[in-house]
Amino acid sequence: MFELVFSVCLIANAQSCKDVRLTYGAESVTLMECALIGQVEMAKWMAEHPGYRVTRYRCDTPRRAGIDA
């Protein structure tokens, strides 16, 4: 299981940034599949949030609820 993590910043205020996390529940998703699928998922997210731009992304293991990395 992988989590797509991408950092986004407001276009109008480049200092206002946050991380967005999308988790893939399928156990069989590989790191390469996460990276490929992640590009599609980021494009969908960006279409729904036109005021943001992606500054970087990565695939990672999901964080457990209540634990900050």
Protein backbone atom coordinates (compact mmCIF):
# COMPACT_ATOMS: atom_id res chain seq x y z
CA MET A 1 0.00 0.00 0.00
CA PHE A 2 1.32 3.43 -0.94
CA GLU A 3 0.35 7.00 -0.31
CA LEU A 4 0.79 9.73 -2.90
CA VAL A 5 2.05 12.87 -1.19
CA PHE A 6 2.22 16.09 -3.14
CA SER A 7 3.00 19.61 -2.01
CA VAL A 8 0.83 22.39 -3.37
CA CYS A 9 1.00 26.16 -3.05
CA LEU A 10 -1.61 28.80 -3.74
CA ILE A 11 -0.93 30.51 -7.06
CA ALA A 12 -1.93 33.87 -5.54
CA ASN A 13 0.30 33.36 -2.47
CA ALA A 14 3.34 31.14 -3.00
CA GLN A 15 4.04 31.19 0.77
CA SER A 16 0.76 29.39 1.49
CA CYS A 17 1.58 25.72 0.93
CA LYS A 18 0.34 22.36 2.20
CA ASP A 19 0.78 18.65 1.63
CA VAL A 20 -2.03 16.62 0.09
CA ARG A 21 -2.11 12.86 0.78
CA LEU A 22 -3.98 10.31 -1.32
CA THR A 23 -3.85 6.69 -0.17
CA TYR A 24 -4.21 3.71 -2.48
CA GLY A 25 -5.95 0.91 -0.61
CA ALA A 26 -4.91 -1.87 -2.96
CA GLU A 27 -2.20 -4.06 -1.49
CA SER A 28 -0.83 -4.90 -4.93
CA VAL A 29 0.07 -1.33 -5.99
CA THR A 30 3.80 -1.08 -6.64
CA LEU A 31 5.93 2.01 -6.23
CA MET A 32 6.10 2.42 -10.02
CA GLU A 33 2.31 2.12 -10.34
CA CYS A 34 1.88 4.68 -7.59
CA ALA A 35 4.11 7.11 -9.49
CA LEU A 36 2.23 6.55 -12.76
CA ILE A 37 -1.26 6.57 -11.26
CA GLY A 38 -0.22 9.49 -9.09
CA GLN A 39 0.24 11.76 -12.09
CA VAL A 40 -3.35 11.09 -13.16
CA GLU A 41 -4.67 11.61 -9.62
CA MET A 42 -2.74 14.87 -9.25
CA ALA A 43 -4.20 16.12 -12.55
CA LYS A 44 -7.71 15.33 -11.26
CA TRP A 45 -6.99 17.11 -7.97
CA MET A 46 -5.59 20.14 -9.79
CA ALA A 47 -8.69 20.34 -12.02
CA GLU A 48 -10.82 20.51 -8.85
CA HIS A 49 -8.47 23.04 -7.17
CA PRO A 50 -7.43 25.50 -9.91
CA GLY A 51 -5.97 28.01 -7.45
CA TYR A 52 -3.08 25.68 -6.55
CA ARG A 53 0.05 24.46 -8.27
CA VAL A 54 1.99 21.30 -7.45
CA THR A 55 5.58 21.94 -6.37
CA ARG A 56 6.69 18.32 -5.81
CA TYR A 57 5.36 14.81 -5.26
CA ARG A 58 6.40 11.38 -4.05
CA CYS A 59 5.01 7.97 -3.18
CA ASP A 60 5.46 6.89 0.40
CA THR A 61 4.13 4.39 2.91
CA PRO A 62 0.93 5.69 4.55
CA ARG A 63 1.10 7.39 7.91
CA ARG A 64 -0.90 5.81 10.67
CA ALA A 65 -3.76 7.89 12.07
CA GLY A 66 -2.68 10.12 14.93
CA ILE A 67 1.06 9.84 14.21
CA ASP A 68 2.84 12.77 12.62
CA ALA A 69 5.93 12.08 10.58
